[in-house]
């Protein structure tokens, strides 16, 4: 009884682990068409917001102290 409940609760975690393993295999090969897409997502969601915040801080400092 408890085994079936745990299997049902762990299903989403196992699916995420399976997808993460798939992405790790893709990136380790480096010859997939998905690799540039993953890099672009990293740039958009990680580096772009940092650049925007730094730019706004620079303009704010120039306006306040300039």
Protein backbone atom coordinates (compact mmCIF):
# COMPACT_ATOMS: atom_id res chain seq x y z
CA UNK A 1 0.00 0.00 0.00
CA UNK A 2 2.68 2.51 0.97
CA UNK A 3 4.90 1.44 -1.90
CA UNK A 4 2.26 2.41 -4.44
CA UNK A 5 1.73 5.78 -2.75
CA UNK A 6 5.47 6.52 -2.78
CA UNK A 7 5.77 5.43 -6.40
CA UNK A 8 2.95 7.83 -7.31
CA UNK A 9 4.51 10.70 -5.33
CA UNK A 10 7.98 10.13 -6.78
CA UNK A 11 6.83 9.98 -10.41
CA UNK A 12 7.35 13.75 -11.12
CA UNK A 13 10.79 13.63 -9.51
CA UNK A 14 11.78 10.65 -11.64
CA UNK A 15 10.57 12.40 -14.79
CA UNK A 16 12.66 15.48 -13.97
CA UNK A 17 15.67 13.26 -13.28
CA UNK A 18 15.14 11.50 -16.61
CA UNK A 19 14.98 14.84 -18.46
CA UNK A 20 18.10 16.09 -16.67
CA UNK A 21 19.97 12.93 -17.64
CA UNK A 22 18.84 13.38 -21.25
CA UNK A 23 20.12 16.98 -21.29
CA UNK A 24 23.42 15.89 -19.75
CA UNK A 25 23.86 13.29 -22.50
CA UNK A 26 23.08 15.88 -25.17
CA UNK A 27 25.57 18.38 -23.77
CA UNK A 28 28.28 15.75 -23.33
CA UNK A 29 28.03 14.80 -27.00
CA UNK A 30 27.96 18.40 -28.18
CA UNK A 31 26.72 17.49 -31.64
CA UNK A 32 23.01 17.92 -31.07
CA UNK A 33 20.89 20.67 -32.52
CA UNK A 34 19.53 21.35 -29.03
CA UNK A 35 22.86 22.54 -27.61
CA UNK A 36 22.74 26.05 -29.16
CA UNK A 37 19.16 26.38 -27.97
CA UNK A 38 20.24 25.55 -24.40
CA UNK A 39 23.04 28.12 -24.63
CA UNK A 40 20.62 30.77 -25.90
CA UNK A 41 18.25 30.10 -23.02
CA UNK A 42 21.13 30.47 -20.59
CA UNK A 43 22.08 33.81 -22.12
CA UNK A 44 18.53 35.12 -22.14
CA UNK A 45 17.54 34.02 -18.64
CA UNK A 46 20.88 34.53 -16.86
CA UNK A 47 23.19 37.03 -18.51
CA UNK A 48 20.64 39.40 -20.04
CA UNK A 49 18.92 40.28 -16.74
CA UNK A 50 22.30 40.84 -15.06
CA UNK A 51 23.34 43.16 -17.91
CA UNK A 52 20.08 45.10 -17.70
CA UNK A 53 20.42 45.57 -13.94
CA UNK A 54 24.04 46.69 -14.26
CA UNK A 55 23.11 49.12 -17.05
CA UNK A 56 20.28 50.60 -14.99
CA UNK A 57 22.62 50.98 -12.02
CA UNK A 58 25.19 52.74 -14.22
CA UNK A 59 22.58 55.14 -15.62
CA UNK A 60 21.22 55.78 -12.13
CA UNK A 61 24.67 56.53 -10.77
CA UNK A 62 25.42 58.82 -13.72
CA UNK A 63 22.16 60.67 -13.16
CA UNK A 64 22.66 60.99 -9.39
CA UNK A 65 26.34 61.86 -9.37
CA UNK A 66 26.84 63.25 -12.84
